[in-house]
Amino acid sequence: RASIDEKIASGRMDFVDDLANIARR
């Protein structure tokens, strides 16, 4: 939910970079 909330305003999300790659976050 937090990952989606960070990107929802832009209308774009890369599954790997913005959600699955928890180490980057």
mmCIF file of all heavy atoms, coordinates in Angstrom:
data_MODEL
# 
_entry.id   MODEL 
# 
loop_
_atom_site.group_PDB 
_atom_site.id 
_atom_site.type_symbol 
_atom_site.label_atom_id 
_atom_site.label_alt_id 
_atom_site.label_comp_id 
_atom_site.label_asym_id 
_atom_site.label_entity_id 
_atom_site.label_seq_id 
_atom_site.pdbx_PDB_ins_code 
_atom_site.Cartn_x 
_atom_site.Cartn_y 
_atom_site.Cartn_z 
_atom_site.occupancy 
_atom_site.B_iso_or_equiv 
_atom_site.pdbx_formal_charge 
_atom_site.auth_seq_id 
_atom_site.auth_comp_id 
_atom_site.auth_asym_id 
_atom_site.auth_atom_id 
_atom_site.pdbx_PDB_model_num 
ATOM 1   N N   . ARG A 1 1  ? 0.830  -1.216 0.000   1.00 0.00 ? 1  ARG A N   1 
ATOM 2   C CA  . ARG A 1 1  ? 0.000  0.000  0.000   1.00 0.00 ? 1  ARG A CA  1 
ATOM 3   C C   . ARG A 1 1  ? 0.859  1.258  0.000   1.00 0.00 ? 1  ARG A C   1 
ATOM 4   O O   . ARG A 1 1  ? 0.588  2.216  -0.729  1.00 0.00 ? 1  ARG A O   1 
ATOM 5   C CB  . ARG A 1 1  ? -0.936 -0.001 1.202   1.00 0.00 ? 1  ARG A CB  1 
ATOM 6   C CG  . ARG A 1 1  ? -2.149 -0.828 1.002   1.00 0.00 ? 1  ARG A CG  1 
ATOM 7   C CD  . ARG A 1 1  ? -3.191 -0.560 2.101   1.00 0.00 ? 1  ARG A CD  1 
ATOM 8   N NE  . ARG A 1 1  ? -4.113 -1.669 2.101   1.00 0.00 ? 1  ARG A NE  1 
ATOM 9   C CZ  . ARG A 1 1  ? -4.055 -2.711 2.920   1.00 0.00 ? 1  ARG A CZ  1 
ATOM 10  N NH1 . ARG A 1 1  ? -3.123 -2.788 3.836   1.00 0.00 ? 1  ARG A NH1 1 
ATOM 11  N NH2 . ARG A 1 1  ? -4.939 -3.681 2.849   1.00 0.00 ? 1  ARG A NH2 1 
ATOM 12  N N   . ALA A 1 2  ? 1.905  1.282  0.834   1.00 0.00 ? 2  ALA A N   1 
ATOM 13  C CA  . ALA A 1 2  ? 2.781  2.453  0.896   1.00 0.00 ? 2  ALA A CA  1 
ATOM 14  C C   . ALA A 1 2  ? 3.494  2.673  -0.440  1.00 0.00 ? 2  ALA A C   1 
ATOM 15  O O   . ALA A 1 2  ? 3.626  3.815  -0.896  1.00 0.00 ? 2  ALA A O   1 
ATOM 16  C CB  . ALA A 1 2  ? 3.796  2.286  2.027   1.00 0.00 ? 2  ALA A CB  1 
ATOM 17  N N   . SER A 1 3  ? 3.927  1.596  -1.071  1.00 0.00 ? 3  SER A N   1 
ATOM 18  C CA  . SER A 1 3  ? 4.609  1.707  -2.363  1.00 0.00 ? 3  SER A CA  1 
ATOM 19  C C   . SER A 1 3  ? 3.673  2.264  -3.429  1.00 0.00 ? 3  SER A C   1 
ATOM 20  O O   . SER A 1 3  ? 4.067  3.121  -4.225  1.00 0.00 ? 3  SER A O   1 
ATOM 21  C CB  . SER A 1 3  ? 5.139  0.341  -2.801  1.00 0.00 ? 3  SER A CB  1 
ATOM 22  O OG  . SER A 1 3  ? 6.084  -0.129 -1.877  1.00 0.00 ? 3  SER A OG  1 
ATOM 23  N N   . ILE A 1 4  ? 2.460  1.775  -3.446  1.00 0.00 ? 4  ILE A N   1 
ATOM 24  C CA  . ILE A 1 4  ? 1.479  2.266  -4.421  1.00 0.00 ? 4  ILE A CA  1 
ATOM 25  C C   . ILE A 1 4  ? 1.127  3.716  -4.120  1.00 0.00 ? 4  ILE A C   1 
ATOM 26  O O   . ILE A 1 4  ? 1.034  4.544  -5.037  1.00 0.00 ? 4  ILE A O   1 
ATOM 27  C CB  . ILE A 1 4  ? 0.234  1.363  -4.434  1.00 0.00 ? 4  ILE A CB  1 
ATOM 28  C CG1 . ILE A 1 4  ? 0.606  -0.002 -5.017  1.00 0.00 ? 4  ILE A CG1 1 
ATOM 29  C CG2 . ILE A 1 4  ? -0.899 2.010  -5.226  1.00 0.00 ? 4  ILE A CG2 1 
ATOM 30  C CD1 . ILE A 1 4  ? -0.477 -1.056 -4.895  1.00 0.00 ? 4  ILE A CD1 1 
ATOM 31  N N   . ASP A 1 5  ? 0.936  4.060  -2.852  1.00 0.00 ? 5  ASP A N   1 
ATOM 32  C CA  . ASP A 1 5  ? 0.604  5.438  -2.470  1.00 0.00 ? 5  ASP A CA  1 
ATOM 33  C C   . ASP A 1 5  ? 1.667  6.426  -2.925  1.00 0.00 ? 5  ASP A C   1 
ATOM 34  O O   . ASP A 1 5  ? 1.353  7.548  -3.315  1.00 0.00 ? 5  ASP A O   1 
ATOM 35  C CB  . ASP A 1 5  ? 0.412  5.549  -0.961  1.00 0.00 ? 5  ASP A CB  1 
ATOM 36  C CG  . ASP A 1 5  ? -0.890 4.919  -0.486  1.00 0.00 ? 5  ASP A CG  1 
ATOM 37  O OD1 . ASP A 1 5  ? -1.756 4.600  -1.342  1.00 0.00 ? 5  ASP A OD1 1 
ATOM 38  O OD2 . ASP A 1 5  ? -1.041 4.739  0.743   1.00 0.00 ? 5  ASP A OD2 1 
ATOM 39  N N   . GLU A 1 6  ? 2.946  6.003  -2.882  1.00 0.00 ? 6  GLU A N   1 
ATOM 40  C CA  . GLU A 1 6  ? 4.025  6.891  -3.316  1.00 0.00 ? 6  GLU A CA  1 
ATOM 41  C C   . GLU A 1 6  ? 3.954  7.206  -4.810  1.00 0.00 ? 6  GLU A C   1 
ATOM 42  O O   . GLU A 1 6  ? 4.416  8.247  -5.254  1.00 0.00 ? 6  GLU A O   1 
ATOM 43  C CB  . GLU A 1 6  ? 5.385  6.252  -3.034  1.00 0.00 ? 6  GLU A CB  1 
ATOM 44  C CG  . GLU A 1 6  ? 5.789  6.266  -1.587  1.00 0.00 ? 6  GLU A CG  1 
ATOM 45  C CD  . GLU A 1 6  ? 7.155  5.620  -1.371  1.00 0.00 ? 6  GLU A CD  1 
ATOM 46  O OE1 . GLU A 1 6  ? 7.804  5.224  -2.364  1.00 0.00 ? 6  GLU A OE1 1 
ATOM 47  O OE2 . GLU A 1 6  ? 7.558  5.508  -0.210  1.00 0.00 ? 6  GLU A OE2 1 
ATOM 48  N N   . LYS A 1 7  ? 3.408  6.294  -5.595  1.00 0.00 ? 7  LYS A N   1 
ATOM 49  C CA  . LYS A 1 7  ? 3.432  6.446  -7.055  1.00 0.00 ? 7  LYS A CA  1 
ATOM 50  C C   . LYS A 1 7  ? 2.070  6.773  -7.668  1.00 0.00 ? 7  LYS A C   1 
ATOM 51  O O   . LYS A 1 7  ? 1.995  7.104  -8.841  1.00 0.00 ? 7  LYS A O   1 
ATOM 52  C CB  . LYS A 1 7  ? 3.948  5.145  -7.699  1.00 0.00 ? 7  LYS A CB  1 
ATOM 53  C CG  . LYS A 1 7  ? 5.373  4.835  -7.337  1.00 0.00 ? 7  LYS A CG  1 
ATOM 54  C CD  . LYS A 1 7  ? 6.285  5.871  -7.940  1.00 0.00 ? 7  LYS A CD  1 
ATOM 55  C CE  . LYS A 1 7  ? 7.726  5.608  -7.651  1.00 0.00 ? 7  LYS A CE  1 
ATOM 56  N NZ  . LYS A 1 7  ? 8.605  6.500  -8.363  1.00 0.00 ? 7  LYS A NZ  1 
ATOM 57  N N   . ILE A 1 8  ? 1.000  6.673  -6.901  1.00 0.00 ? 8  ILE A N   1 
ATOM 58  C CA  . ILE A 1 8  ? -0.333 6.761  -7.483  1.00 0.00 ? 8  ILE A CA  1 
ATOM 59  C C   . ILE A 1 8  ? -0.592 8.100  -8.171  1.00 0.00 ? 8  ILE A C   1 
ATOM 60  O O   . ILE A 1 8  ? -1.258 8.158  -9.198  1.00 0.00 ? 8  ILE A O   1 
ATOM 61  C CB  . ILE A 1 8  ? -1.417 6.436  -6.428  1.00 0.00 ? 8  ILE A CB  1 
ATOM 62  C CG1 . ILE A 1 8  ? -2.703 6.045  -7.131  1.00 0.00 ? 8  ILE A CG1 1 
ATOM 63  C CG2 . ILE A 1 8  ? -1.599 7.586  -5.448  1.00 0.00 ? 8  ILE A CG2 1 
ATOM 64  C CD1 . ILE A 1 8  ? -3.668 5.307  -6.253  1.00 0.00 ? 8  ILE A CD1 1 
ATOM 65  N N   . ALA A 1 9  ? -0.065 9.185  -7.629  1.00 0.00 ? 9  ALA A N   1 
ATOM 66  C CA  . ALA A 1 9  ? -0.290 10.497 -8.222  1.00 0.00 ? 9  ALA A CA  1 
ATOM 67  C C   . ALA A 1 9  ? 0.317  10.606 -9.615  1.00 0.00 ? 9  ALA A C   1 
ATOM 68  O O   . ALA A 1 9  ? -0.219 11.293 -10.487 1.00 0.00 ? 9  ALA A O   1 
ATOM 69  C CB  . ALA A 1 9  ? 0.264  11.597 -7.322  1.00 0.00 ? 9  ALA A CB  1 
ATOM 70  N N   . SER A 1 10 ? 1.420  9.911  -9.838  1.00 0.00 ? 10 SER A N   1 
ATOM 71  C CA  . SER A 1 10 ? 2.073  9.981  -11.150 1.00 0.00 ? 10 SER A CA  1 
ATOM 72  C C   . SER A 1 10 ? 1.352  9.129  -12.188 1.00 0.00 ? 10 SER A C   1 
ATOM 73  O O   . SER A 1 10 ? 1.513  9.334  -13.382 1.00 0.00 ? 10 SER A O   1 
ATOM 74  C CB  . SER A 1 10 ? 3.534  9.525  -11.041 1.00 0.00 ? 10 SER A CB  1 
ATOM 75  O OG  . SER A 1 10 ? 3.601  8.120  -10.850 1.00 0.00 ? 10 SER A OG  1 
ATOM 76  N N   . GLY A 1 11 ? 0.596  8.141  -11.711 1.00 0.00 ? 11 GLY A N   1 
ATOM 77  C CA  . GLY A 1 11 ? -0.106 7.261  -12.644 1.00 0.00 ? 11 GLY A CA  1 
ATOM 78  C C   . GLY A 1 11 ? 0.794  6.218  -13.284 1.00 0.00 ? 11 GLY A C   1 
ATOM 79  O O   . GLY A 1 11 ? 0.380  5.491  -14.177 1.00 0.00 ? 11 GLY A O   1 
ATOM 80  N N   . ARG A 1 12 ? 2.020  6.106  -12.805 1.00 0.00 ? 12 ARG A N   1 
ATOM 81  C CA  . ARG A 1 12 ? 2.975  5.139  -13.352 1.00 0.00 ? 12 ARG A CA  1 
ATOM 82  C C   . ARG A 1 12 ? 3.675  4.421  -12.220 1.00 0.00 ? 12 ARG A C   1 
ATOM 83  O O   . ARG A 1 12 ? 3.973  5.003  -11.190 1.00 0.00 ? 12 ARG A O   1 
ATOM 84  C CB  . ARG A 1 12 ? 4.029  5.851  -14.194 1.00 0.00 ? 12 ARG A CB  1 
ATOM 85  C CG  . ARG A 1 12 ? 3.474  6.603  -15.362 1.00 0.00 ? 12 ARG A CG  1 
ATOM 86  C CD  . ARG A 1 12 ? 4.618  7.171  -16.150 1.00 0.00 ? 12 ARG A CD  1 
ATOM 87  N NE  . ARG A 1 12 ? 5.160  6.104  -16.973 1.00 0.00 ? 12 ARG A NE  1 
ATOM 88  C CZ  . ARG A 1 12 ? 4.996  6.039  -18.289 1.00 0.00 ? 12 ARG A CZ  1 
ATOM 89  N NH1 . ARG A 1 12 ? 4.349  6.978  -18.905 1.00 0.00 ? 12 ARG A NH1 1 
ATOM 90  N NH2 . ARG A 1 12 ? 5.506  5.050  -18.972 1.00 0.00 ? 12 ARG A NH2 1 
ATOM 91  N N   . MET A 1 13 ? 3.974  3.147  -12.464 1.00 0.00 ? 13 MET A N   1 
ATOM 92  C CA  . MET A 1 13 ? 4.708  2.369  -11.470 1.00 0.00 ? 13 MET A CA  1 
ATOM 93  C C   . MET A 1 13 ? 5.448  1.253  -12.182 1.00 0.00 ? 13 MET A C   1 
ATOM 94  O O   . MET A 1 13 ? 4.864  0.533  -12.976 1.00 0.00 ? 13 MET A O   1 
ATOM 95  C CB  . MET A 1 13 ? 3.748  1.793  -10.435 1.00 0.00 ? 13 MET A CB  1 
ATOM 96  C CG  . MET A 1 13 ? 4.418  1.043  -9.325  1.00 0.00 ? 13 MET A CG  1 
ATOM 97  S SD  . MET A 1 13 ? 3.212  0.596  -8.079  1.00 0.00 ? 13 MET A SD  1 
ATOM 98  C CE  . MET A 1 13 ? 4.277  0.410  -6.680  1.00 0.00 ? 13 MET A CE  1 
ATOM 99  N N   . ASP A 1 14 ? 6.721  1.132  -11.894 1.00 0.00 ? 14 ASP A N   1 
ATOM 100 C CA  . ASP A 1 14 ? 7.497  0.029  -12.406 1.00 0.00 ? 14 ASP A CA  1 
ATOM 101 C C   . ASP A 1 14 ? 7.477  -1.057 -11.334 1.00 0.00 ? 14 ASP A C   1 
ATOM 102 O O   . ASP A 1 14 ? 7.909  -0.832 -10.200 1.00 0.00 ? 14 ASP A O   1 
ATOM 103 C CB  . ASP A 1 14 ? 8.941  0.459  -12.677 1.00 0.00 ? 14 ASP A CB  1 
ATOM 104 C CG  . ASP A 1 14 ? 9.765  -0.670 -13.261 1.00 0.00 ? 14 ASP A CG  1 
ATOM 105 O OD1 . ASP A 1 14 ? 10.220 -1.534 -12.483 1.00 0.00 ? 14 ASP A OD1 1 
ATOM 106 O OD2 . ASP A 1 14 ? 9.922  -0.695 -14.488 1.00 0.00 ? 14 ASP A OD2 1 
ATOM 107 N N   . PHE A 1 15 ? 6.957  -2.216 -11.680 1.00 0.00 ? 15 PHE A N   1 
ATOM 108 C CA  . PHE A 1 15 ? 6.794  -3.269 -10.687 1.00 0.00 ? 15 PHE A CA  1 
ATOM 109 C C   . PHE A 1 15 ? 8.107  -3.629 -10.010 1.00 0.00 ? 15 PHE A C   1 
ATOM 110 O O   . PHE A 1 15 ? 8.178  -3.745 -8.790  1.00 0.00 ? 15 PHE A O   1 
ATOM 111 C CB  . PHE A 1 15 ? 6.172  -4.517 -11.329 1.00 0.00 ? 15 PHE A CB  1 
ATOM 112 C CG  . PHE A 1 15 ? 5.980  -5.639 -10.355 1.00 0.00 ? 15 PHE A CG  1 
ATOM 113 C CD1 . PHE A 1 15 ? 4.897  -5.652 -9.500  1.00 0.00 ? 15 PHE A CD1 1 
ATOM 114 C CD2 . PHE A 1 15 ? 6.898  -6.671 -10.273 1.00 0.00 ? 15 PHE A CD2 1 
ATOM 115 C CE1 . PHE A 1 15 ? 4.725  -6.666 -8.582  1.00 0.00 ? 15 PHE A CE1 1 
ATOM 116 C CE2 . PHE A 1 15 ? 6.733  -7.703 -9.354  1.00 0.00 ? 15 PHE A CE2 1 
ATOM 117 C CZ  . PHE A 1 15 ? 5.647  -7.699 -8.511  1.00 0.00 ? 15 PHE A CZ  1 
ATOM 118 N N   . VAL A 1 16 ? 9.172  -3.779 -10.776 1.00 0.00 ? 16 VAL A N   1 
ATOM 119 C CA  . VAL A 1 16 ? 10.454 -4.187 -10.195 1.00 0.00 ? 16 VAL A CA  1 
ATOM 120 C C   . VAL A 1 16 ? 11.075 -3.049 -9.391  1.00 0.00 ? 16 VAL A C   1 
ATOM 121 O O   . VAL A 1 16 ? 11.392 -3.198 -8.219  1.00 0.00 ? 16 VAL A O   1 
ATOM 122 C CB  . VAL A 1 16 ? 11.433 -4.687 -11.282 1.00 0.00 ? 16 VAL A CB  1 
ATOM 123 C CG1 . VAL A 1 16 ? 12.813 -4.926 -10.705 1.00 0.00 ? 16 VAL A CG1 1 
ATOM 124 C CG2 . VAL A 1 16 ? 10.891 -5.957 -11.919 1.00 0.00 ? 16 VAL A CG2 1 
ATOM 125 N N   . ASP A 1 17 ? 11.262 -1.901 -10.001 1.00 0.00 ? 17 ASP A N   1 
ATOM 126 C CA  . ASP A 1 17 ? 11.939 -0.795 -9.320  1.00 0.00 ? 17 ASP A CA  1 
ATOM 127 C C   . ASP A 1 17 ? 11.136 -0.202 -8.170  1.00 0.00 ? 17 ASP A C   1 
ATOM 128 O O   . ASP A 1 17 ? 11.695 0.172  -7.145  1.00 0.00 ? 17 ASP A O   1 
ATOM 129 C CB  . ASP A 1 17 ? 12.269 0.320  -10.311 1.00 0.00 ? 17 ASP A CB  1 
ATOM 130 C CG  . ASP A 1 17 ? 13.491 0.009  -11.145 1.00 0.00 ? 17 ASP A CG  1 
ATOM 131 O OD1 . ASP A 1 17 ? 14.286 -0.848 -10.733 1.00 0.00 ? 17 ASP A OD1 1 
ATOM 132 O OD2 . ASP A 1 17 ? 13.643 0.635  -12.200 1.00 0.00 ? 17 ASP A OD2 1 
ATOM 133 N N   . ASP A 1 18 ? 9.839  -0.079 -8.332  1.00 0.00 ? 18 ASP A N   1 
ATOM 134 C CA  . ASP A 1 18 ? 9.038  0.645  -7.351  1.00 0.00 ? 18 ASP A CA  1 
ATOM 135 C C   . ASP A 1 18 ? 8.309  -0.227 -6.339  1.00 0.00 ? 18 ASP A C   1 
ATOM 136 O O   . ASP A 1 18 ? 7.796  0.280  -5.356  1.00 0.00 ? 18 ASP A O   1 
ATOM 137 C CB  . ASP A 1 18 ? 8.011  1.519  -8.081  1.00 0.00 ? 18 ASP A CB  1 
ATOM 138 C CG  . ASP A 1 18 ? 8.673  2.527  -8.986  1.00 0.00 ? 18 ASP A CG  1 
ATOM 139 O OD1 . ASP A 1 18 ? 9.746  3.046  -8.605  1.00 0.00 ? 18 ASP A OD1 1 
ATOM 140 O OD2 . ASP A 1 18 ? 8.146  2.803  -10.073 1.00 0.00 ? 18 ASP A OD2 1 
ATOM 141 N N   . LEU A 1 19 ? 8.265  -1.529 -6.571  1.00 0.00 ? 19 LEU A N   1 
ATOM 142 C CA  . LEU A 1 19 ? 7.555  -2.393 -5.638  1.00 0.00 ? 19 LEU A CA  1 
ATOM 143 C C   . LEU A 1 19 ? 8.388  -3.598 -5.207  1.00 0.00 ? 19 LEU A C   1 
ATOM 144 O O   . LEU A 1 19 ? 8.619  -3.810 -4.034  1.00 0.00 ? 19 LEU A O   1 
ATOM 145 C CB  . LEU A 1 19 ? 6.221  -2.865 -6.243  1.00 0.00 ? 19 LEU A CB  1 
ATOM 146 C CG  . LEU A 1 19 ? 5.367  -3.761 -5.358  1.00 0.00 ? 19 LEU A CG  1 
ATOM 147 C CD1 . LEU A 1 19 ? 4.936  -3.024 -4.107  1.00 0.00 ? 19 LEU A CD1 1 
ATOM 148 C CD2 . LEU A 1 19 ? 4.157  -4.252 -6.126  1.00 0.00 ? 19 LEU A CD2 1 
ATOM 149 N N   . ALA A 1 20 ? 8.858  -4.374 -6.151  1.00 0.00 ? 20 ALA A N   1 
ATOM 150 C CA  . ALA A 1 20 ? 9.515  -5.638 -5.818  1.00 0.00 ? 20 ALA A CA  1 
ATOM 151 C C   . ALA A 1 20 ? 10.930 -5.461 -5.276  1.00 0.00 ? 20 ALA A C   1 
ATOM 152 O O   . ALA A 1 20 ? 11.399 -6.292 -4.505  1.00 0.00 ? 20 ALA A O   1 
ATOM 153 C CB  . ALA A 1 20 ? 9.548  -6.552 -7.043  1.00 0.00 ? 20 ALA A CB  1 
ATOM 154 N N   . ASN A 1 21 ? 11.620 -4.412 -5.640  1.00 0.00 ? 21 ASN A N   1 
ATOM 155 C CA  . ASN A 1 21 ? 13.011 -4.224 -5.218  1.00 0.00 ? 21 ASN A CA  1 
ATOM 156 C C   . ASN A 1 21 ? 13.060 -3.524 -3.865  1.00 0.00 ? 21 ASN A C   1 
ATOM 157 O O   . ASN A 1 21 ? 13.435 -2.367 -3.756  1.00 0.00 ? 21 ASN A O   1 
ATOM 158 C CB  . ASN A 1 21 ? 13.768 -3.432 -6.283  1.00 0.00 ? 21 ASN A CB  1 
ATOM 159 C CG  . ASN A 1 21 ? 15.252 -3.475 -6.057  1.00 0.00 ? 21 ASN A CG  1 
ATOM 160 O OD1 . ASN A 1 21 ? 15.730 -4.000 -5.067  1.00 0.00 ? 21 ASN A OD1 1 
ATOM 161 N ND2 . ASN A 1 21 ? 15.996 -2.902 -6.983  1.00 0.00 ? 21 ASN A ND2 1 
ATOM 162 N N   . ILE A 1 22 ? 12.709 -4.259 -2.830  1.00 0.00 ? 22 ILE A N   1 
ATOM 163 C CA  . ILE A 1 22 ? 12.631 -3.686 -1.487  1.00 0.00 ? 22 ILE A CA  1 
ATOM 164 C C   . ILE A 1 22 ? 13.987 -3.183 -1.008  1.00 0.00 ? 22 ILE A C   1 
ATOM 165 O O   . ILE A 1 22 ? 14.070 -2.223 -0.246  1.00 0.00 ? 22 ILE A O   1 
ATOM 166 C CB  . ILE A 1 22 ? 12.001 -4.691 -0.500  1.00 0.00 ? 22 ILE A CB  1 
ATOM 167 C CG1 . ILE A 1 22 ? 11.652 -4.012 0.818   1.00 0.00 ? 22 ILE A CG1 1 
ATOM 168 C CG2 . ILE A 1 22 ? 12.932 -5.856 -0.259  1.00 0.00 ? 22 ILE A CG2 1 
ATOM 169 C CD1 . ILE A 1 22 ? 10.496 -3.091 0.751   1.00 0.00 ? 22 ILE A CD1 1 
ATOM 170 N N   . ALA A 1 23 ? 15.070 -3.782 -1.457  1.00 0.00 ? 23 ALA A N   1 
ATOM 171 C CA  . ALA A 1 23 ? 16.400 -3.354 -1.015  1.00 0.00 ? 23 ALA A CA  1 
ATOM 172 C C   . ALA A 1 23 ? 16.671 -1.912 -1.432  1.00 0.00 ? 23 ALA A C   1 
ATOM 173 O O   . ALA A 1 23 ? 17.316 -1.158 -0.705  1.00 0.00 ? 23 ALA A O   1 
ATOM 174 C CB  . ALA A 1 23 ? 17.467 -4.273 -1.589  1.00 0.00 ? 23 ALA A CB  1 
ATOM 175 N N   . ARG A 1 24 ? 16.161 -1.506 -2.573  1.00 0.00 ? 24 ARG A N   1 
ATOM 176 C CA  . ARG A 1 24 ? 16.370 -0.136 -3.047  1.00 0.00 ? 24 ARG A CA  1 
ATOM 177 C C   . ARG A 1 24 ? 15.579 0.866  -2.209  1.00 0.00 ? 24 ARG A C   1 
ATOM 178 O O   . ARG A 1 24 ? 15.915 2.013  -2.097  1.00 0.00 ? 24 ARG A O   1 
ATOM 179 C CB  . ARG A 1 24 ? 15.956 -0.039 -4.515  1.00 0.00 ? 24 ARG A CB  1 
ATOM 180 C CG  . ARG A 1 24 ? 16.345 1.270  -5.160  1.00 0.00 ? 24 ARG A CG  1 
ATOM 181 C CD  . ARG A 1 24 ? 15.912 1.321  -6.601  1.00 0.00 ? 24 ARG A CD  1 
ATOM 182 N NE  . ARG A 1 24 ? 14.493 1.436  -6.795  1.00 0.00 ? 24 ARG A NE  1 
ATOM 183 C CZ  . ARG A 1 24 ? 13.779 2.554  -6.575  1.00 0.00 ? 24 ARG A CZ  1 
ATOM 184 N NH1 . ARG A 1 24 ? 14.371 3.631  -6.129  1.00 0.00 ? 24 ARG A NH1 1 
ATOM 185 N NH2 . ARG A 1 24 ? 12.492 2.578  -6.797  1.00 0.00 ? 24 ARG A NH2 1 
ATOM 186 N N   . ARG A 1 25 ? 14.502 0.403  -1.615  1.00 0.00 ? 25 ARG A N   1 
ATOM 187 C CA  . ARG A 1 25 ? 13.609 1.285  -0.869  1.00 0.00 ? 25 ARG A CA  1 
ATOM 188 C C   . ARG A 1 25 ? 14.112 1.576  0.534   1.00 0.00 ? 25 ARG A C   1 
ATOM 189 O O   . ARG A 1 25 ? 13.693 2.514  1.154   1.00 0.00 ? 25 ARG A O   1 
ATOM 190 C CB  . ARG A 1 25 ? 12.221 0.668  -0.793  1.00 0.00 ? 25 ARG A CB  1 
ATOM 191 C CG  . ARG A 1 25 ? 11.630 0.391  -2.157  1.00 0.00 ? 25 ARG A CG  1 
ATOM 192 C CD  . ARG A 1 25 ? 10.282 -0.287 -2.048  1.00 0.00 ? 25 ARG A CD  1 
ATOM 193 N NE  . ARG A 1 25 ? 9.372  0.457  -1.212  1.00 0.00 ? 25 ARG A NE  1 
ATOM 194 C CZ  . ARG A 1 25 ? 8.780  1.590  -1.542  1.00 0.00 ? 25 ARG A CZ  1 
ATOM 195 N NH1 . ARG A 1 25 ? 9.019  2.117  -2.713  1.00 0.00 ? 25 ARG A NH1 1 
ATOM 196 N NH2 . ARG A 1 25 ? 7.955  2.185  -0.727  1.00 0.00 ? 25 ARG A NH2 1 
# 
